Protein backbone atom coordinates (compact mmCIF):
# COMPACT_ATOMS: atom_id res chain seq x y z
CA MET A 1 146.15 66.30 128.59
CA GLY A 2 142.44 65.84 126.45
CA TYR A 3 140.40 67.98 124.10
CA LEU A 4 137.17 68.22 122.02
CA ALA A 5 137.41 67.42 118.42
CA ALA A 6 134.57 68.68 115.98
CA ALA A 7 132.00 66.05 115.52
CA THR A 8 128.46 65.19 114.42
CA THR A 9 125.50 63.89 117.23
CA GLU A 10 123.64 60.63 117.36
CA ARG A 11 121.18 62.56 115.60
CA GLY A 12 123.27 64.30 112.67
CA THR A 13 124.21 67.83 114.66
CA PRO A 14 127.05 69.25 114.50
CA GLY A 15 128.84 68.85 117.97
CA TRP A 16 131.91 68.04 119.73
CA ARG A 17 133.66 64.49 121.46
CA LEU A 18 136.19 64.19 124.46
CA VAL A 19 139.41 63.22 123.04
CA VAL A 20 142.26 62.05 125.84
CA PRO A 21 144.98 60.03 124.30
CA GLY A 22 145.46 56.77 125.95
CA LEU A 23 142.49 56.54 127.19
CA SER A 24 139.52 54.88 126.15
CA TYR A 25 135.53 56.94 125.92
CA HIS A 26 132.55 56.22 124.11
CA ASP A 27 131.17 57.58 121.26
CA LYS A 28 128.68 59.92 121.89
CA SER A 29 129.43 63.87 120.67
CA ILE A 30 128.36 66.51 123.09
CA GLY A 31 126.02 68.85 120.92
CA GLU A 32 127.23 72.14 120.51
CA LYS A 33 124.31 73.81 122.08
CA THR A 34 125.70 72.74 124.74
CA ILE A 35 129.59 73.72 124.09
CA ILE A 36 129.00 77.04 122.96
CA PRO A 37 127.94 78.53 126.67
CA LEU A 38 131.90 77.46 127.81
CA VAL A 39 132.98 79.41 124.79
CA ARG A 40 131.33 82.68 125.35
CA LEU A 41 132.48 82.65 128.89
CA GLY A 42 136.46 81.60 128.36
CA LEU A 43 136.27 78.26 129.62
CA ILE A 44 137.28 76.41 126.66
CA GLU A 45 138.96 77.80 123.87
CA PRO A 46 140.46 76.72 119.81
CA ALA A 47 144.12 75.01 120.54
CA LEU A 48 146.17 76.84 118.87
CA ASP A 49 147.93 74.36 116.83
CA GLU A 50 144.37 72.86 115.81
CA PRO A 51 141.62 75.39 115.55
CA HIS A 52 139.12 72.93 115.30
CA CYS A 53 139.34 70.82 118.20
CA LEU A 54 138.62 73.37 121.78
CA VAL A 55 140.75 72.88 125.07
CA VAL A 56 140.64 74.17 129.10
CA SER A 57 141.44 77.81 128.74
CA THR A 58 143.20 79.64 131.68
CA ARG A 59 140.45 81.03 132.82
CA GLY A 60 138.81 77.58 132.76
CA ALA A 61 141.78 75.95 134.57
CA GLN A 62 141.55 78.66 137.37
CA THR A 63 137.48 78.23 137.26
CA TRP A 64 138.21 74.34 138.47
CA TRP A 65 140.80 75.29 140.84
CA LEU A 66 139.16 77.74 142.71
CA PHE A 67 135.41 75.93 142.30
CA HIS A 68 137.70 72.58 144.14
CA ALA A 69 139.84 74.74 146.93
CA ARG A 70 135.97 75.63 147.77
CA GLY A 71 134.99 72.32 148.67
CA GLY A 72 133.50 71.13 144.81
C-alpha cells in the first residue's frame, strides 16, 4: 500500500512525496498546502507506525468508494 512521505518541493518548501513499494514514480513532491485540506477533512491521516508519513484514512477510503459507486 502506498503512503505520502515528508519531502521538500522543488521550490524548497515543505511537501509530500508519493511512495508505492515496488513501483517507480517521479520524485516530484506535492506541496504541503495541497495536502493540509485533505488532512483537515480526515481523508488522510498520519500512519500509526510512521507518524511522519500519511496514509488514506478509513473515511478517505469510504469517500473514494462512494464517489466510484456514483459513477465518478
